[in-house]
Amino acid sequence: MDAAAIARLLAEPERLRVLAALVLGSRTPAEIGEATGLDARAVGRALQRLQAAGLVDDDGVRVELIKQAARDAAPAPEGAGDVVGRFITDGRLVALPAQESKRRLVLEHVAQAFEPGRRYPEREVDAVLRAWTEGGATDHAALRRYLVDHQLLSREAGEYWRSGGWVDVWGD
């Protein structure tokens, strides 16, 4: 599901309210109804559409699906599109540029995979970076090191957090 499909799905206010209630911890239709002020029938319809679209399953909201759609739709920093496009294909890092300024642009793009303000254990960082480097010329450990060296990720006591790079603020 791409970002446009998610936006179309959530353009209906009842579905958006139900999704928000789920994200905030409601688990049963009764809890969702209480949190949203919607009647049981409206909650049921919204849940049905969200589940049919694959945005919600038995475990709750598929947050990674939303994050991936947002990453795929996020624009690169102004002027970086051509550079990033040469080194990232189909969401995979093909290679890292040798030129420092171009490498920085590519690394800033990869750093968008990490949510600002959230701390990640090393194994989770490695899982995200493995997805970026699969089939490419750079391994996930080298990519992690570059992100730290370029102060896009910080590390302490086995935890990492995003500490640099541009942030795309939606709705500005």
N, C-alpha and C. Protein backbone atom coordinates (compact mmCIF):
# COMPACT_ATOMS: atom_id res chain seq x y z
N MET A 1 0.85 -1.17 0.00
CA MET A 1 0.00 0.00 0.00
C MET A 1 0.90 1.23 0.00
N ASP A 2 0.62 2.15 -0.91
CA ASP A 2 1.44 3.36 -0.98
C ASP A 2 0.80 4.49 -0.17
N ALA A 3 1.53 5.58 -0.05
CA ALA A 3 1.09 6.71 0.77
C ALA A 3 -0.23 7.29 0.26
N ALA A 4 -0.40 7.35 -1.04
CA ALA A 4 -1.64 7.90 -1.61
C ALA A 4 -2.83 7.02 -1.24
N ALA A 5 -2.66 5.71 -1.29
CA ALA A 5 -3.75 4.79 -0.93
C ALA A 5 -4.09 4.92 0.55
N ILE A 6 -3.08 5.07 1.38
CA ILE A 6 -3.32 5.26 2.81
C ILE A 6 -4.07 6.58 3.04
N ALA A 7 -3.64 7.62 2.35
CA ALA A 7 -4.31 8.92 2.50
C ALA A 7 -5.77 8.85 2.07
N ARG A 8 -6.02 8.14 0.96
CA ARG A 8 -7.41 7.99 0.51
C ARG A 8 -8.24 7.22 1.55
N LEU A 9 -7.65 6.17 2.10
CA LEU A 9 -8.34 5.36 3.10
C LEU A 9 -8.67 6.18 4.34
N LEU A 10 -7.74 7.02 4.75
CA LEU A 10 -7.91 7.78 5.99
C LEU A 10 -8.57 9.14 5.77
N ALA A 11 -8.94 9.43 4.53
CA ALA A 11 -9.64 10.69 4.25
C ALA A 11 -11.05 10.68 4.84
N GLU A 12 -11.57 9.50 5.13
CA GLU A 12 -12.87 9.37 5.77
C GLU A 12 -12.66 9.54 7.27
N PRO A 13 -13.25 10.56 7.88
CA PRO A 13 -12.98 10.88 9.29
C PRO A 13 -13.21 9.74 10.28
N GLU A 14 -14.23 8.92 10.05
CA GLU A 14 -14.48 7.82 10.99
C GLU A 14 -13.34 6.81 10.98
N ARG A 15 -12.83 6.50 9.79
CA ARG A 15 -11.70 5.55 9.72
C ARG A 15 -10.46 6.14 10.39
N LEU A 16 -10.24 7.41 10.18
CA LEU A 16 -9.09 8.07 10.80
C LEU A 16 -9.22 8.04 12.32
N ARG A 17 -10.40 8.31 12.84
CA ARG A 17 -10.62 8.28 14.30
C ARG A 17 -10.41 6.88 14.86
N VAL A 18 -10.88 5.86 14.15
CA VAL A 18 -10.71 4.48 14.60
C VAL A 18 -9.23 4.11 14.59
N LEU A 19 -8.53 4.48 13.53
CA LEU A 19 -7.08 4.18 13.47
C LEU A 19 -6.35 4.88 14.62
N ALA A 20 -6.70 6.14 14.88
CA ALA A 20 -6.06 6.88 15.97
C ALA A 20 -6.33 6.19 17.31
N ALA A 21 -7.55 5.74 17.52
CA ALA A 21 -7.88 5.05 18.78
C ALA A 21 -7.06 3.78 18.92
N LEU A 22 -6.88 3.04 17.84
CA LEU A 22 -6.07 1.83 17.87
C LEU A 22 -4.61 2.15 18.20
N VAL A 23 -4.09 3.18 17.55
CA VAL A 23 -2.70 3.58 17.80
C VAL A 23 -2.51 3.99 19.26
N LEU A 24 -3.52 4.61 19.83
CA LEU A 24 -3.42 5.09 21.21
C LEU A 24 -3.77 4.02 22.24
N GLY A 25 -4.03 2.79 21.78
CA GLY A 25 -4.16 1.69 22.74
C GLY A 25 -5.49 1.01 22.85
N SER A 26 -6.52 1.51 22.19
CA SER A 26 -7.81 0.81 22.23
C SER A 26 -7.67 -0.53 21.52
N ARG A 27 -8.26 -1.56 22.09
CA ARG A 27 -8.12 -2.90 21.52
C ARG A 27 -9.44 -3.52 21.08
N THR A 28 -10.50 -3.22 21.77
CA THR A 28 -11.80 -3.82 21.44
C THR A 28 -12.67 -2.78 20.76
N PRO A 29 -13.69 -3.25 20.01
CA PRO A 29 -14.61 -2.28 19.40
C PRO A 29 -15.27 -1.37 20.45
N ALA A 30 -15.55 -1.91 21.63
CA ALA A 30 -16.16 -1.09 22.68
C ALA A 30 -15.19 0.01 23.12
N GLU A 31 -13.93 -0.34 23.29
CA GLU A 31 -12.93 0.68 23.67
C GLU A 31 -12.76 1.72 22.58
N ILE A 32 -12.79 1.26 21.33
CA ILE A 32 -12.67 2.19 20.20
C ILE A 32 -13.86 3.14 20.17
N GLY A 33 -15.05 2.59 20.37
CA GLY A 33 -16.25 3.42 20.40
C GLY A 33 -16.19 4.45 21.50
N GLU A 34 -15.72 4.04 22.67
CA GLU A 34 -15.60 4.97 23.80
C GLU A 34 -14.58 6.07 23.49
N ALA A 35 -13.47 5.69 22.89
CA ALA A 35 -12.41 6.66 22.61
C ALA A 35 -12.79 7.63 21.49
N THR A 36 -13.60 7.15 20.53
CA THR A 36 -13.92 7.98 19.37
C THR A 36 -15.27 8.65 19.43
N GLY A 37 -16.16 8.13 20.29
CA GLY A 37 -17.51 8.66 20.32
C GLY A 37 -18.38 8.11 19.20
N LEU A 38 -17.89 7.11 18.47
CA LEU A 38 -18.65 6.52 17.37
C LEU A 38 -19.50 5.37 17.89
N ASP A 39 -20.64 5.14 17.22
CA ASP A 39 -21.46 4.00 17.62
C ASP A 39 -20.83 2.70 17.10
N ALA A 40 -21.32 1.57 17.61
CA ALA A 40 -20.74 0.26 17.30
C ALA A 40 -20.76 -0.03 15.79
N ARG A 41 -21.81 0.39 15.13
CA ARG A 41 -21.93 0.14 13.69
C ARG A 41 -20.85 0.90 12.91
N ALA A 42 -20.62 2.17 13.25
CA ALA A 42 -19.60 2.97 12.57
C ALA A 42 -18.20 2.40 12.83
N VAL A 43 -17.97 1.97 14.08
CA VAL A 43 -16.68 1.37 14.42
C VAL A 43 -16.47 0.10 13.59
N GLY A 44 -17.50 -0.73 13.51
CA GLY A 44 -17.41 -1.98 12.74
C GLY A 44 -17.11 -1.73 11.27
N ARG A 45 -17.80 -0.76 10.67
CA ARG A 45 -17.55 -0.42 9.25
C ARG A 45 -16.13 0.05 9.05
N ALA A 46 -15.67 0.93 9.92
CA ALA A 46 -14.32 1.47 9.78
C ALA A 46 -13.27 0.37 9.96
N LEU A 47 -13.45 -0.46 10.96
CA LEU A 47 -12.51 -1.57 11.18
C LEU A 47 -12.47 -2.50 9.98
N GLN A 48 -13.64 -2.79 9.43
CA GLN A 48 -13.71 -3.67 8.27
C GLN A 48 -12.90 -3.12 7.10
N ARG A 49 -13.06 -1.83 6.82
CA ARG A 49 -12.32 -1.21 5.71
C ARG A 49 -10.82 -1.18 5.98
N LEU A 50 -10.43 -0.85 7.22
CA LEU A 50 -9.01 -0.80 7.57
C LEU A 50 -8.38 -2.19 7.47
N GLN A 51 -9.11 -3.22 7.88
CA GLN A 51 -8.60 -4.58 7.80
C GLN A 51 -8.54 -5.05 6.35
N ALA A 52 -9.56 -4.75 5.57
CA ALA A 52 -9.58 -5.16 4.16
C ALA A 52 -8.42 -4.53 3.39
N ALA A 53 -8.05 -3.32 3.78
CA ALA A 53 -6.94 -2.63 3.11
C ALA A 53 -5.58 -3.12 3.62
N GLY A 54 -5.57 -3.88 4.72
CA GLY A 54 -4.32 -4.40 5.26
C GLY A 54 -3.62 -3.47 6.22
N LEU A 55 -4.26 -2.38 6.58
CA LEU A 55 -3.65 -1.41 7.49
C LEU A 55 -3.78 -1.84 8.95
N VAL A 56 -4.75 -2.70 9.22
CA VAL A 56 -4.98 -3.22 10.57
C VAL A 56 -5.11 -4.73 10.46
N ASP A 57 -4.50 -5.44 11.40
CA ASP A 57 -4.67 -6.89 11.47
C ASP A 57 -4.97 -7.29 12.91
N ASP A 58 -4.92 -8.57 13.21
CA ASP A 58 -5.25 -9.05 14.55
C ASP A 58 -4.32 -8.49 15.63
N ASP A 59 -3.12 -8.09 15.24
CA ASP A 59 -2.15 -7.55 16.19
C ASP A 59 -2.29 -6.04 16.37
N GLY A 60 -3.15 -5.41 15.60
CA GLY A 60 -3.34 -3.97 15.69
C GLY A 60 -2.95 -3.27 14.40
N VAL A 61 -2.54 -2.03 14.52
CA VAL A 61 -2.17 -1.21 13.37
C VAL A 61 -0.81 -1.67 12.85
N ARG A 62 -0.71 -1.82 11.56
CA ARG A 62 0.55 -2.21 10.93
C ARG A 62 1.39 -0.94 10.70
N VAL A 63 1.99 -0.47 11.77
CA VAL A 63 2.72 0.79 11.77
C VAL A 63 3.86 0.77 10.76
N GLU A 64 4.55 -0.35 10.63
CA GLU A 64 5.67 -0.42 9.68
C GLU A 64 5.20 -0.17 8.25
N LEU A 65 3.99 -0.61 7.92
CA LEU A 65 3.44 -0.36 6.60
C LEU A 65 3.27 1.14 6.36
N ILE A 66 2.77 1.83 7.37
CA ILE A 66 2.59 3.29 7.27
C ILE A 66 3.94 3.98 7.17
N LYS A 67 4.89 3.57 8.02
CA LYS A 67 6.21 4.18 7.99
C LYS A 67 6.89 3.98 6.64
N GLN A 68 6.80 2.76 6.10
CA GLN A 68 7.44 2.49 4.81
C GLN A 68 6.81 3.33 3.71
N ALA A 69 5.49 3.45 3.72
CA ALA A 69 4.82 4.28 2.71
C ALA A 69 5.26 5.73 2.83
N ALA A 70 5.41 6.21 4.07
CA ALA A 70 5.86 7.59 4.28
C ALA A 70 7.29 7.77 3.79
N ARG A 71 8.16 6.78 4.09
CA ARG A 71 9.55 6.88 3.62
C ARG A 71 9.61 6.88 2.11
N ASP A 72 8.81 6.02 1.49
CA ASP A 72 8.82 5.95 0.03
C ASP A 72 8.33 7.25 -0.60
N ALA A 73 7.40 7.92 0.08
CA ALA A 73 6.82 9.14 -0.47
C ALA A 73 7.59 10.40 -0.07
N ALA A 74 8.47 10.30 0.93
CA ALA A 74 9.17 11.48 1.43
C ALA A 74 10.11 12.03 0.36
N PRO A 75 10.05 13.31 0.15
CA PRO A 75 10.96 13.91 -0.83
C PRO A 75 12.38 13.96 -0.27
N ALA A 76 13.32 13.86 -1.16
CA ALA A 76 14.71 14.03 -0.76
C ALA A 76 14.94 15.52 -0.53
N PRO A 77 15.99 15.89 0.19
CA PRO A 77 16.28 17.31 0.36
C PRO A 77 16.41 17.98 -1.00
N GLU A 78 16.06 19.25 -1.06
CA GLU A 78 16.09 19.98 -2.31
C GLU A 78 17.45 19.86 -2.99
N GLY A 79 17.44 19.49 -4.26
CA GLY A 79 18.68 19.35 -5.01
C GLY A 79 19.33 17.99 -4.86
N ALA A 80 18.80 17.14 -4.00
CA ALA A 80 19.44 15.85 -3.73
C ALA A 80 18.85 14.73 -4.55
N GLY A 81 17.70 14.95 -5.16
CA GLY A 81 16.99 13.88 -5.84
C GLY A 81 17.82 13.10 -6.83
N ASP A 82 18.56 13.81 -7.68
CA ASP A 82 19.37 13.13 -8.68
C ASP A 82 20.46 12.29 -8.03
N VAL A 83 21.10 12.83 -7.01
CA VAL A 83 22.17 12.11 -6.33
C VAL A 83 21.62 10.88 -5.64
N VAL A 84 20.59 11.06 -4.86
CA VAL A 84 20.00 9.94 -4.12
C VAL A 84 19.50 8.88 -5.10
N GLY A 85 18.88 9.30 -6.17
CA GLY A 85 18.36 8.36 -7.16
C GLY A 85 19.42 7.51 -7.83
N ARG A 86 20.64 8.03 -7.92
CA ARG A 86 21.72 7.25 -8.53
C ARG A 86 22.24 6.16 -7.61
N PHE A 87 22.08 6.33 -6.31
CA PHE A 87 22.66 5.39 -5.35
C PHE A 87 21.63 4.56 -4.60
N ILE A 88 20.36 4.94 -4.71
CA ILE A 88 19.28 4.17 -4.07
C ILE A 88 18.28 3.80 -5.14
N THR A 89 18.07 2.50 -5.29
CA THR A 89 17.14 2.00 -6.29
C THR A 89 16.15 1.06 -5.61
N ASP A 90 14.88 1.30 -5.82
CA ASP A 90 13.82 0.46 -5.21
C ASP A 90 14.00 0.31 -3.71
N GLY A 91 14.35 1.40 -3.04
CA GLY A 91 14.50 1.38 -1.59
C GLY A 91 15.74 0.66 -1.10
N ARG A 92 16.67 0.39 -1.98
CA ARG A 92 17.91 -0.31 -1.62
C ARG A 92 19.12 0.57 -1.95
N LEU A 93 20.07 0.56 -1.04
CA LEU A 93 21.31 1.29 -1.25
C LEU A 93 22.20 0.46 -2.16
N VAL A 94 22.41 0.92 -3.37
CA VAL A 94 23.21 0.20 -4.34
C VAL A 94 24.69 0.35 -4.01
N ALA A 95 25.09 1.56 -3.67
CA ALA A 95 26.48 1.86 -3.32
C ALA A 95 26.50 3.20 -2.60
N LEU A 96 27.59 3.45 -1.89
CA LEU A 96 27.77 4.76 -1.26
C LEU A 96 28.67 5.61 -2.15
N PRO A 97 28.33 6.87 -2.35
CA PRO A 97 29.19 7.73 -3.17
C PRO A 97 30.55 7.95 -2.52
N ALA A 98 31.55 8.08 -3.33
CA ALA A 98 32.91 8.35 -2.83
C ALA A 98 33.03 9.82 -2.41
N GLN A 99 32.36 10.71 -3.15
CA GLN A 99 32.43 12.14 -2.84
C GLN A 99 31.65 12.43 -1.56
N GLU A 100 32.30 13.11 -0.63
CA GLU A 100 31.76 13.35 0.71
C GLU A 100 30.39 14.04 0.70
N SER A 101 30.22 15.08 -0.11
CA SER A 101 28.96 15.82 -0.11
C SER A 101 27.81 14.95 -0.63
N LYS A 102 28.09 14.12 -1.63
CA LYS A 102 27.06 13.22 -2.16
C LYS A 102 26.76 12.12 -1.15
N ARG A 103 27.80 11.61 -0.48
CA ARG A 103 27.59 10.58 0.53
C ARG A 103 26.68 11.10 1.64
N ARG A 104 26.90 12.35 2.03
CA ARG A 104 26.08 12.96 3.09
C ARG A 104 24.61 12.98 2.69
N LEU A 105 24.32 13.35 1.44
CA LEU A 105 22.94 13.40 0.97
C LEU A 105 22.29 12.01 1.02
N VAL A 106 23.02 11.00 0.60
CA VAL A 106 22.50 9.63 0.61
C VAL A 106 22.28 9.17 2.05
N LEU A 107 23.24 9.46 2.92
CA LEU A 107 23.11 9.06 4.33
C LEU A 107 21.93 9.77 5.00
N GLU A 108 21.72 11.04 4.68
CA GLU A 108 20.56 11.76 5.24
C GLU A 108 19.27 11.11 4.79
N HIS A 109 19.25 10.63 3.56
CA HIS A 109 18.06 9.94 3.07
C HIS A 109 17.83 8.65 3.84
N VAL A 110 18.88 7.88 4.07
CA VAL A 110 18.77 6.62 4.82
C VAL A 110 18.35 6.90 6.26
N ALA A 111 18.86 7.98 6.84
CA ALA A 111 18.54 8.32 8.23
C ALA A 111 17.05 8.54 8.43
N GLN A 112 16.32 8.84 7.37
CA GLN A 112 14.88 9.06 7.48
C GLN A 112 14.16 7.79 7.93
N ALA A 113 14.83 6.64 7.86
CA ALA A 113 14.22 5.38 8.30
C ALA A 113 14.08 5.33 9.82
N PHE A 114 14.72 6.26 10.52
CA PHE A 114 14.69 6.27 11.98
C PHE A 114 13.89 7.46 12.47
N GLU A 115 12.97 7.18 13.35
CA GLU A 115 12.07 8.19 13.89
C GLU A 115 12.81 9.08 14.89
N PRO A 116 12.77 10.39 14.71
CA PRO A 116 13.42 11.28 15.67
C PRO A 116 12.83 11.10 17.07
N GLY A 117 13.68 11.10 18.07
CA GLY A 117 13.22 11.01 19.46
C GLY A 117 13.04 9.60 19.97
N ARG A 118 13.19 8.62 19.12
CA ARG A 118 13.03 7.23 19.54
C ARG A 118 14.40 6.56 19.66
N ARG A 119 14.58 5.76 20.69
CA ARG A 119 15.82 5.00 20.87
C ARG A 119 15.63 3.59 20.34
N TYR A 120 16.64 3.11 19.65
CA TYR A 120 16.59 1.79 19.03
C TYR A 120 17.71 0.91 19.57
N PRO A 121 17.41 -0.35 19.91
CA PRO A 121 18.49 -1.26 20.26
C PRO A 121 19.30 -1.57 18.99
N GLU A 122 20.54 -1.95 19.16
CA GLU A 122 21.42 -2.19 18.01
C GLU A 122 20.84 -3.22 17.05
N ARG A 123 20.22 -4.27 17.56
CA ARG A 123 19.67 -5.30 16.67
C ARG A 123 18.57 -4.74 15.77
N GLU A 124 17.80 -3.77 16.27
CA GLU A 124 16.75 -3.16 15.46
C GLU A 124 17.36 -2.24 14.39
N VAL A 125 18.38 -1.50 14.77
CA VAL A 125 19.10 -0.66 13.80
C VAL A 125 19.67 -1.54 12.70
N ASP A 126 20.30 -2.65 13.10
CA ASP A 126 20.89 -3.55 12.11
C ASP A 126 19.82 -4.13 11.18
N ALA A 127 18.65 -4.45 11.70
CA ALA A 127 17.58 -5.00 10.86
C ALA A 127 17.13 -3.97 9.81
N VAL A 128 16.98 -2.72 10.24
CA VAL A 128 16.59 -1.66 9.31
C VAL A 128 17.66 -1.47 8.24
N LEU A 129 18.92 -1.43 8.67
CA LEU A 129 20.01 -1.17 7.73
C LEU A 129 20.26 -2.37 6.81
N ARG A 130 20.01 -3.58 7.29
CA ARG A 130 20.14 -4.75 6.41
C ARG A 130 19.15 -4.65 5.25
N ALA A 131 17.96 -4.16 5.54
CA ALA A 131 16.96 -3.99 4.47
C ALA A 131 17.46 -3.00 3.43
N TRP A 132 18.15 -1.95 3.86
CA TRP A 132 18.70 -0.96 2.93
C TRP A 132 19.85 -1.53 2.10
N THR A 133 20.67 -2.40 2.71
CA THR A 133 21.91 -2.84 2.05
C THR A 133 21.79 -4.18 1.34
N GLU A 134 20.68 -4.85 1.46
CA GLU A 134 20.51 -6.16 0.85
C GLU A 134 20.80 -6.11 -0.65
N GLY A 135 21.76 -6.91 -1.08
CA GLY A 135 22.12 -6.97 -2.49
C GLY A 135 22.99 -5.83 -2.97
N GLY A 136 23.41 -4.95 -2.08
CA GLY A 136 24.24 -3.82 -2.48
C GLY A 136 25.71 -4.04 -2.17
N ALA A 137 26.50 -3.02 -2.41
CA ALA A 137 27.95 -3.12 -2.22
C ALA A 137 28.39 -2.75 -0.81
N THR A 138 27.48 -2.22 0.01
CA THR A 138 27.82 -1.79 1.37
C THR A 138 27.13 -2.71 2.37
N ASP A 139 27.82 -3.08 3.43
CA ASP A 139 27.15 -3.91 4.44
C ASP A 139 26.52 -3.03 5.51
N HIS A 140 25.61 -3.62 6.28
CA HIS A 140 24.84 -2.84 7.26
C HIS A 140 25.73 -2.24 8.35
N ALA A 141 26.79 -2.94 8.75
CA ALA A 141 27.67 -2.43 9.81
C ALA A 141 28.43 -1.19 9.32
N ALA A 142 28.89 -1.21 8.09
CA ALA A 142 29.58 -0.04 7.53
C ALA A 142 28.62 1.13 7.42
N LEU A 143 27.39 0.85 7.00
CA LEU A 143 26.39 1.91 6.88
C LEU A 143 26.08 2.52 8.24
N ARG A 144 25.96 1.67 9.25
CA ARG A 144 25.72 2.14 10.62
C ARG A 144 26.86 3.04 11.07
N ARG A 145 28.08 2.62 10.80
CA ARG A 145 29.26 3.40 11.18
C ARG A 145 29.27 4.77 10.48
N TYR A 146 28.94 4.78 9.18
CA TYR A 146 28.87 6.05 8.45
C TYR A 146 27.80 6.97 9.06
N LEU A 147 26.64 6.41 9.40
CA LEU A 147 25.57 7.23 9.99
C LEU A 147 26.01 7.84 11.31
N VAL A 148 26.75 7.08 12.11
CA VAL A 148 27.27 7.60 13.39
C VAL A 148 28.36 8.63 13.12
N ASP A 149 29.29 8.31 12.22
CA ASP A 149 30.39 9.23 11.91
C ASP A 149 29.88 10.57 11.37
N HIS A 150 28.79 10.53 10.64
CA HIS A 150 28.21 11.76 10.07
C HIS A 150 27.21 12.42 11.02
N GLN A 151 27.16 11.91 12.24
CA GLN A 151 26.31 12.45 13.30
C GLN A 151 24.83 12.47 12.92
N LEU A 152 24.43 11.47 12.15
CA LEU A 152 23.01 11.30 11.83
C LEU A 152 22.36 10.35 12.83
N LEU A 153 23.15 9.45 13.38
CA LEU A 153 22.74 8.59 14.49
C LEU A 153 23.74 8.78 15.62
N SER A 154 23.25 8.74 16.84
CA SER A 154 24.13 8.75 18.01
C SER A 154 23.99 7.41 18.70
N ARG A 155 25.00 7.06 19.50
CA ARG A 155 25.00 5.76 20.14
C ARG A 155 25.52 5.88 21.55
N GLU A 156 24.89 5.10 22.44
CA GLU A 156 25.34 5.02 23.83
C GLU A 156 24.73 3.77 24.45
N ALA A 157 25.55 3.00 25.10
CA ALA A 157 25.12 1.80 25.84
C ALA A 157 24.26 0.86 24.99
N GLY A 158 24.67 0.64 23.76
CA GLY A 158 23.96 -0.29 22.90
C GLY A 158 22.67 0.23 22.31
N GLU A 159 22.37 1.51 22.51
CA GLU A 159 21.18 2.13 21.93
C GLU A 159 21.58 3.20 20.93
N TYR A 160 20.76 3.36 19.93
CA TYR A 160 20.99 4.37 18.88
C TYR A 160 19.75 5.25 18.80
N TRP A 161 19.96 6.49 18.39
CA TRP A 161 18.85 7.39 18.13
C TRP A 161 19.27 8.36 17.04
N ARG A 162 18.26 8.84 16.33
CA ARG A 162 18.53 9.79 15.26
C ARG A 162 18.89 11.13 15.87
N SER A 163 20.02 11.66 15.45
CA SER A 163 20.50 12.91 16.05
C SER A 163 20.83 13.98 15.02
N GLY A 164 20.57 13.72 13.76
CA GLY A 164 20.89 14.71 12.75
C GLY A 164 20.11 14.46 11.48
N GLY A 165 20.37 15.30 10.50
CA GLY A 165 19.70 15.19 9.21
C GLY A 165 18.46 16.06 9.16
N TRP A 166 17.92 16.15 7.99
CA TRP A 166 16.73 16.98 7.80
C TRP A 166 15.49 16.23 8.23
N VAL A 167 14.50 16.98 8.59
CA VAL A 167 13.21 16.40 9.00
C VAL A 167 12.15 17.03 8.12
N ASP A 168 11.38 16.20 7.44
CA ASP A 168 10.30 16.68 6.60
C ASP A 168 9.07 16.86 7.47
N VAL A 169 8.60 18.08 7.60
CA VAL A 169 7.42 18.36 8.42
C VAL A 169 6.23 18.47 7.49
N TRP A 170 5.31 17.54 7.62
CA TRP A 170 4.13 17.53 6.75
C TRP A 170 3.17 18.60 7.19
N GLY A 171 2.49 19.17 6.22
CA GLY A 171 1.44 20.14 6.51
C GLY A 171 1.98 21.54 6.71
N ASP A 172 3.20 21.78 6.29
CA ASP A 172 3.74 23.13 6.50
C ASP A 172 3.30 24.10 5.45
